[in-house]
Amino acid sequence: MEHRLAMVGFGGMAGWHYDLIQKIDGLTVAGIWDIKPERRDYAKEKGIHVYEGLEALLTDPTVDIVLAATPNDVHKEIAIKAMEAGKNVVSEKPVTLNSRDLKEMIDVSVRTGRFFTVHQNRRWDEDFLTVKNILAGKKLGEVFRIESRVHGSRGIPGDWRQEKEHGGGMVLDWGVHLLDQALLLFPGEKLSTVYATLTNVTNQLVDDGFSADLGFENGVHMLVEVGTSNFISLPRWYVLGADGSALIQDFGRDGRMVCATGISEGDVVPVITAAGLTKTMAPRREDTIRTEQLPWADSDIRDFYRNVMAVIEGREQPKIKLDEVARVMRLMEAVFESAEKKQVISFEK
């Protein structure tokens, strides 16, 4: 079965979708619409059909999927119009700006019977999937803390992402990915508490970074952090267990696991500092630890659209479920609430 997708918005992310779709059998880009003339001209230069307007796109009978790849505040309007026009919808993340609007979008999906999903593409990040492998392998012993972060040093992007009315800020931009990943690491586990702080180093209107401590019911605490004024980046992942630690430096394969061998520590050579000595912080003897390669996970982001097509055809269940999307939206709202009130927020009781 052949599927034809039309794009509303043709900025950088939509261009990424376009290039990806060229590598997917059974899926074709029917055309685009963008309110900016320069983006429409760019699409024409690439040989892409440009609709006369949104209405022309939505009434094209050959189109069965609409991608909303606009600024965040417009996702809701486009998605609802598309579903009411009989189209299935893929929305860029974040799906919208609040839980109330998301419920309205889901209600329209139920009423119209159209498939509605969100492009949570970072679920296919191989570093994230590798952390899932680390947890499944249990070589670190009982895991008690995980740190997940992305750092940059260029400040918040100088486009609509720095404007509150368009849904700007790093919680909605990168937080939606990292918080989604955090919840997926412990399926079925309740998130008990949220404590967050925001930064406004380069922008006073929206957050240009944040830090959130997530306390799960199983006792694990997870630090999720996004920074845009970090000239020295900390590791992408740091996983701590009773019997070992794991580190992933960035989005690539640069990392390792260090695990206890089971040999008890005997003689400890103290670390001598200028102000005294310490045995507590002395390094372990080499015979009591082993370094292992990461259990790296490979993935194929094309599986997102393959799943979209399979759901429409009735062959698969959605890989990105709307109750999961709604949970992430509530979590982002809890991050904002905690930062505003400067207190711990009870999330799921």
Protein backbone atom coordinates (compact mmCIF):
# COMPACT_ATOMS: atom_id res chain seq x y z
CA MET A 1 0.00 0.00 0.00
CA GLU A 2 1.32 3.41 -0.97
CA HIS A 3 1.01 6.40 1.39
CA ARG A 4 1.31 10.07 0.52
CA LEU A 5 2.34 12.63 3.13
CA ALA A 6 1.92 16.40 2.93
CA MET A 7 3.93 18.77 5.12
CA VAL A 8 2.60 21.88 6.81
CA GLY A 9 5.69 23.95 7.50
CA PHE A 10 8.93 23.43 5.61
CA GLY A 11 11.68 24.59 7.95
CA GLY A 12 14.79 22.71 8.98
CA MET A 13 13.02 19.81 10.70
CA ALA A 14 10.60 19.32 7.82
CA GLY A 15 13.59 19.19 5.48
CA TRP A 16 14.98 16.40 7.66
CA HIS A 17 11.66 14.54 7.32
CA TYR A 18 11.74 15.02 3.56
CA ASP A 19 15.23 13.56 3.22
CA LEU A 20 14.32 10.62 5.48
CA ILE A 21 11.15 9.79 3.57
CA GLN A 22 13.14 9.45 0.34
CA LYS A 23 14.68 6.32 1.95
CA ILE A 24 11.38 4.69 2.96
CA ASP A 25 9.54 2.32 0.67
CA GLY A 26 5.81 2.93 0.38
CA LEU A 27 5.88 6.57 1.51
CA THR A 28 6.01 9.65 -0.75
CA VAL A 29 5.96 13.38 -0.07
CA ALA A 30 2.97 14.79 -1.95
CA GLY A 31 3.89 18.41 -1.30
CA ILE A 32 4.24 21.18 1.26
CA TRP A 33 2.68 24.41 2.43
CA ASP A 34 4.54 27.09 4.37
CA ILE A 35 3.41 30.62 5.17
CA LYS A 36 6.87 31.97 4.33
CA PRO A 37 7.44 32.68 0.62
CA GLU A 38 11.16 31.91 0.88
CA ARG A 39 10.43 28.40 2.18
CA ARG A 40 7.92 27.81 -0.61
CA ASP A 41 10.51 28.97 -3.14
CA TYR A 42 13.11 26.67 -1.61
CA ALA A 43 10.73 23.72 -1.90
CA LYS A 44 10.07 24.52 -5.55
CA GLU A 45 13.82 24.64 -6.21
CA LYS A 46 14.03 21.10 -4.81
CA GLY A 47 11.26 19.99 -7.15
CA ILE A 48 8.67 19.60 -4.39
CA HIS A 49 5.04 20.41 -5.11
CA VAL A 50 3.85 23.52 -3.26
CA TYR A 51 0.15 23.79 -2.48
CA GLU A 52 -1.72 27.06 -2.95
CA GLY A 53 -2.61 27.06 0.72
CA LEU A 54 -3.49 24.91 3.72
CA GLU A 55 -7.00 24.27 2.43
CA ALA A 56 -5.68 22.94 -0.88
CA LEU A 57 -3.35 20.61 1.00
CA LEU A 58 -6.10 19.31 3.26
CA THR A 59 -8.51 18.69 0.39
CA ASP A 60 -6.01 16.74 -1.73
CA PRO A 61 -7.68 13.30 -1.93
CA THR A 62 -4.37 11.56 -2.61
CA VAL A 63 -2.92 12.60 0.76
CA ASP A 64 -3.56 10.33 3.74
CA ILE A 65 -0.93 11.67 6.19
CA VAL A 66 -0.28 15.27 7.25
CA LEU A 67 2.90 16.29 9.06
CA ALA A 68 2.64 19.35 11.31
CA ALA A 69 6.18 20.78 11.33
CA THR A 70 5.45 24.36 12.38
CA PRO A 71 6.24 26.33 15.54
CA ASN A 72 4.80 24.57 18.58
CA ASP A 73 1.80 26.84 19.15
CA VAL A 74 0.30 25.97 15.75
CA HIS A 75 0.42 22.16 16.03
CA LYS A 76 -3.01 21.92 17.65
CA GLU A 77 -4.86 23.95 14.99
CA ILE A 78 -3.23 22.08 12.10
CA ALA A 79 -3.73 18.64 13.63
CA ILE A 80 -7.41 19.20 14.36
CA LYS A 81 -8.12 20.63 10.90
CA ALA A 82 -6.28 17.74 9.26
CA MET A 83 -8.09 15.03 11.24
CA GLU A 84 -11.44 16.67 10.57
CA ALA A 85 -10.49 16.62 6.88
CA GLY A 86 -10.02 12.85 7.11
CA LYS A 87 -6.22 12.80 7.31
CA ASN A 88 -3.96 10.91 9.69
CA VAL A 89 -1.59 13.23 11.53
CA VAL A 90 2.05 13.21 12.60
CA SER A 91 2.89 16.17 14.82
CA GLU A 92 6.37 17.37 15.55
CA LYS A 93 7.25 17.55 19.22
CA PRO A 94 6.15 18.93 21.56
CA VAL A 95 2.71 17.98 20.38
CA THR A 96 1.23 21.18 21.84
CA LEU A 97 1.70 23.59 24.75
CA ASN A 98 -0.40 22.07 27.55
CA SER A 99 -2.40 19.05 28.65
CA ARG A 100 -5.74 20.73 28.02
CA ASP A 101 -4.97 21.27 24.34
CA LEU A 102 -3.58 17.75 24.00
CA LYS A 103 -6.80 16.25 25.36
CA GLU A 104 -8.77 18.22 22.77
CA MET A 105 -6.53 16.85 20.01
CA ILE A 106 -6.90 13.29 21.28
CA ASP A 107 -10.69 13.70 21.50
CA VAL A 108 -10.78 14.77 17.84
CA SER A 109 -8.70 11.71 16.91
CA VAL A 110 -11.20 9.44 18.68
CA ARG A 111 -14.20 11.21 17.13
CA THR A 112 -12.84 11.17 13.58
CA GLY A 113 -11.19 7.75 13.78
CA ARG A 114 -7.95 9.19 12.39
CA PHE A 115 -4.53 8.04 13.57
CA PHE A 116 -2.71 10.75 15.48
CA THR A 117 0.88 10.46 16.71
CA VAL A 118 3.91 12.52 17.70
CA HIS A 119 7.40 12.43 16.23
CA GLN A 120 9.30 11.51 19.41
CA ASN A 121 12.33 10.65 17.30
CA ARG A 122 14.80 10.58 20.19
CA ARG A 123 13.36 7.22 21.21
CA TRP A 124 15.56 5.87 18.43
CA ASP A 125 18.75 7.51 19.74
CA GLU A 126 21.32 4.75 20.06
CA ASP A 127 22.87 6.21 23.24
CA PHE A 128 19.45 6.05 24.94
CA LEU A 129 18.83 2.49 23.73
CA THR A 130 22.30 1.55 25.00
CA VAL A 131 21.36 2.77 28.48
CA LYS A 132 18.31 0.51 28.29
CA ASN A 133 20.68 -2.37 27.45
CA ILE A 134 22.88 -1.45 30.42
CA LEU A 135 19.91 -1.59 32.78
CA ALA A 136 18.71 -4.87 31.31
CA GLY A 137 22.17 -6.44 31.62
CA LYS A 138 22.30 -5.78 35.40
CA LYS A 139 26.12 -5.74 35.43
CA LEU A 140 26.15 -2.55 37.50
CA GLY A 141 24.17 -4.15 40.30
CA GLU A 142 21.27 -2.22 41.77
CA VAL A 143 21.12 1.11 39.92
CA PHE A 144 20.40 4.05 42.21
CA ARG A 145 21.10 7.13 40.07
CA ILE A 146 21.08 8.10 36.40
CA GLU A 147 22.18 11.39 34.90
CA SER A 148 21.01 12.43 31.42
CA ARG A 149 22.05 15.72 29.93
CA VAL A 150 22.69 17.67 26.75
CA HIS A 151 24.97 20.69 26.80
CA GLY A 152 25.76 23.40 24.27
CA SER A 153 27.40 26.81 24.43
CA ARG A 154 25.59 28.87 21.79
CA GLY A 155 22.60 29.97 23.85
CA ILE A 156 19.00 29.43 22.87
CA PRO A 157 18.34 29.41 19.08
CA GLY A 158 17.60 32.85 17.70
CA ASP A 159 14.26 32.00 16.09
CA TRP A 160 10.73 31.37 17.40
CA ARG A 161 12.24 29.04 20.03
CA GLN A 162 13.14 32.11 22.09
CA GLU A 163 9.55 33.41 22.09
CA LYS A 164 7.11 32.28 24.79
CA GLU A 165 3.99 32.73 22.67
CA HIS A 166 5.28 30.20 20.14
CA GLY A 167 6.15 27.59 22.76
CA GLY A 168 9.84 28.39 23.00
CA GLY A 169 12.31 27.38 25.68
CA MET A 170 14.47 24.37 26.37
CA VAL A 171 11.95 22.41 28.46
CA LEU A 172 9.67 22.18 25.43
CA ASP A 173 12.51 21.88 22.92
CA TRP A 174 14.94 19.34 24.43
CA GLY A 175 13.20 18.53 27.68
CA VAL A 176 10.37 16.82 25.84
CA HIS A 177 12.94 14.30 24.54
CA LEU A 178 14.97 13.70 27.69
CA LEU A 179 11.93 13.49 29.96
CA ASP A 180 10.27 11.06 27.55
CA GLN A 181 13.40 8.91 27.62
CA ALA A 182 13.53 9.06 31.43
CA LEU A 183 9.99 7.73 31.79
CA LEU A 184 10.69 4.93 29.31
CA LEU A 185 13.69 3.64 31.28
CA PHE A 186 11.41 2.32 34.03
CA PRO A 187 8.21 1.06 32.35
CA GLY A 188 5.33 0.64 34.77
CA GLU A 189 7.18 2.51 37.53
CA LYS A 190 5.50 5.55 39.06
CA LEU A 191 7.35 8.85 39.17
CA SER A 192 6.87 10.13 42.71
CA THR A 193 8.55 13.54 42.85
CA VAL A 194 9.84 16.33 40.62
CA TYR A 195 12.15 19.15 41.66
CA ALA A 196 13.34 21.55 38.95
CA THR A 197 15.15 24.81 38.36
CA LEU A 198 15.27 26.87 35.17
CA THR A 199 18.03 29.11 33.81
CA ASN A 200 17.70 32.40 31.96
CA VAL A 201 21.29 33.19 31.06
CA THR A 202 20.83 34.33 27.46
CA ASN A 203 17.05 34.84 27.37
CA GLN A 204 14.72 36.32 29.97
CA LEU A 205 11.46 35.41 28.22
CA VAL A 206 11.86 31.64 28.11
CA ASP A 207 14.10 29.11 29.82
CA ASP A 208 17.44 28.55 28.08
CA GLY A 209 18.19 25.55 30.28
CA PHE A 210 16.84 23.51 33.17
CA SER A 211 17.70 20.85 35.71
CA ALA A 212 15.14 18.35 37.04
CA ASP A 213 15.52 15.72 39.74
CA LEU A 214 13.04 12.89 39.13
CA GLY A 215 12.36 10.56 42.05
CA PHE A 216 10.91 7.20 41.01
CA GLU A 217 8.90 4.96 43.32
CA ASN A 218 11.58 2.26 43.06
CA GLY A 219 14.05 4.60 44.78
CA VAL A 220 16.04 5.59 41.68
CA HIS A 221 16.73 9.29 41.26
CA MET A 222 17.38 10.64 37.79
CA LEU A 223 18.92 13.99 36.95
CA VAL A 224 17.75 15.44 33.63
CA GLU A 225 19.62 18.54 32.52
CA VAL A 226 19.71 20.81 29.48
CA GLY A 227 22.16 23.69 29.20
CA THR A 228 22.93 26.15 26.42
CA SER A 229 25.74 28.08 28.16
CA ASN A 230 28.08 25.17 28.91
CA PHE A 231 31.51 25.69 27.36
CA ILE A 232 32.68 22.39 28.85
CA SER A 233 30.09 19.66 28.31
CA LEU A 234 29.51 16.99 30.92
CA PRO A 235 28.79 13.39 29.83
CA ARG A 236 25.58 12.64 27.95
CA TRP A 237 24.85 9.72 30.34
CA TYR A 238 26.20 8.64 33.73
CA VAL A 239 24.70 5.54 35.35
CA LEU A 240 25.55 4.54 38.93
CA GLY A 241 24.98 1.13 40.42
CA ALA A 242 26.07 -0.65 43.60
CA ASP A 243 28.59 -2.75 41.62
CA GLY A 244 29.69 -0.41 38.86
CA SER A 245 29.27 2.74 36.82
CA ALA A 246 28.66 3.45 33.14
CA LEU A 247 29.45 6.56 31.12
CA ILE A 248 28.48 7.64 27.62
CA GLN A 249 30.32 10.81 26.67
CA ASP A 250 28.13 12.02 23.82
CA PHE A 251 25.75 10.74 21.14
CA GLY A 252 28.44 8.43 19.75
CA ARG A 253 30.11 5.29 21.07
CA ASP A 254 32.58 7.06 23.34
CA GLY A 255 32.03 5.47 26.74
CA ARG A 256 32.62 2.49 29.00
CA MET A 257 31.42 0.45 31.95
CA VAL A 258 33.57 -0.16 35.03
CA CYS A 259 32.37 -3.01 37.23
CA ALA A 260 33.52 -4.71 40.42
CA THR A 261 35.14 -8.14 39.92
CA GLY A 262 33.97 -9.51 43.23
CA ILE A 263 37.46 -9.45 44.75
CA SER A 264 37.30 -7.66 48.08
CA GLU A 265 39.39 -4.58 48.68
CA GLY A 266 42.30 -5.33 51.00
CA ASP A 267 45.16 -2.91 51.25
CA VAL A 268 44.09 0.55 50.19
CA VAL A 269 46.78 3.00 49.18
CA PRO A 270 45.66 6.40 50.47
CA VAL A 271 45.48 9.46 48.26
CA ILE A 272 47.77 12.17 49.64
CA THR A 273 46.49 15.71 49.20
CA ALA A 274 47.99 19.01 50.27
CA ALA A 275 45.74 19.05 53.32
CA GLY A 276 45.97 15.40 54.32
CA LEU A 277 45.20 11.88 53.16
CA THR A 278 42.03 9.95 52.34
CA LYS A 279 41.36 6.24 51.98
CA THR A 280 37.64 6.73 51.27
CA MET A 281 38.28 8.46 47.94
CA ALA A 282 41.34 6.40 46.97
CA PRO A 283 41.06 4.61 43.61
CA ARG A 284 40.30 0.88 43.57
CA ARG A 285 43.06 -1.60 42.89
CA GLU A 286 43.12 -2.75 39.27
CA ASP A 287 42.46 -6.38 40.26
CA THR A 288 39.13 -5.43 41.87
CA ILE A 289 37.58 -3.80 38.80
CA ARG A 290 37.13 -4.56 35.12
CA THR A 291 36.37 -2.23 32.24
CA GLU A 292 33.85 -3.40 29.65
CA GLN A 293 32.62 -2.06 26.36
CA LEU A 294 29.16 -0.61 26.24
CA PRO A 295 26.39 -2.99 25.08
CA TRP A 296 25.75 -0.68 22.13
CA ALA A 297 22.31 -0.69 20.51
CA ASP A 298 21.78 -0.07 16.80
CA SER A 299 18.56 1.48 15.53
CA ASP A 300 16.87 2.69 12.35
CA ILE A 301 14.86 5.91 12.60
CA ARG A 302 12.94 4.87 9.48
CA ASP A 303 11.06 2.51 11.77
CA PHE A 304 9.04 5.50 12.99
CA TYR A 305 7.35 6.02 9.63
CA ARG A 306 7.20 2.28 8.96
CA ASN A 307 5.17 1.99 12.14
CA VAL A 308 2.93 4.92 11.15
CA MET A 309 2.09 3.18 7.88
CA ALA A 310 1.57 -0.19 9.59
CA VAL A 311 -0.83 1.35 12.13
CA ILE A 312 -2.86 3.00 9.38
CA GLU A 313 -3.05 -0.34 7.60
CA GLY A 314 -4.09 -2.11 10.80
CA ARG A 315 -0.99 -4.31 11.03
CA GLU A 316 0.68 -2.88 14.16
CA GLN A 317 0.05 -0.95 17.35
CA PRO A 318 1.55 2.56 17.65
CA LYS A 319 5.12 2.65 18.93
CA ILE A 320 4.40 6.11 20.39
CA LYS A 321 1.25 5.91 22.48
CA LEU A 322 -0.80 8.98 23.27
CA ASP A 323 -1.03 8.18 26.99
CA GLU A 324 2.80 8.27 27.05
CA VAL A 325 2.76 11.62 25.24
CA ALA A 326 0.21 12.95 27.75
CA ARG A 327 2.37 11.77 30.67
CA VAL A 328 5.39 13.66 29.30
CA MET A 329 3.25 16.77 28.86
CA ARG A 330 2.16 16.56 32.51
CA LEU A 331 5.79 16.10 33.53
CA MET A 332 6.88 19.21 31.64
CA GLU A 333 4.11 21.13 33.38
CA ALA A 334 5.37 19.78 36.73
CA VAL A 335 8.89 21.01 35.86
CA PHE A 336 7.55 24.52 35.28
CA GLU A 337 5.44 24.38 38.45
CA SER A 338 8.35 23.20 40.60
CA ALA A 339 10.65 25.90 39.24
CA GLU A 340 8.05 28.61 39.80
CA LYS A 341 7.17 27.50 43.34
CA LYS A 342 10.74 26.49 44.24
CA GLN A 343 9.50 23.27 45.78
CA VAL A 344 9.22 19.54 45.24
CA ILE A 345 6.10 18.53 43.30
CA SER A 346 4.30 15.24 43.98
CA PHE A 347 3.72 13.76 40.55
CA GLU A 348 2.15 10.29 40.66
CA LYS A 349 0.80 8.90 43.93
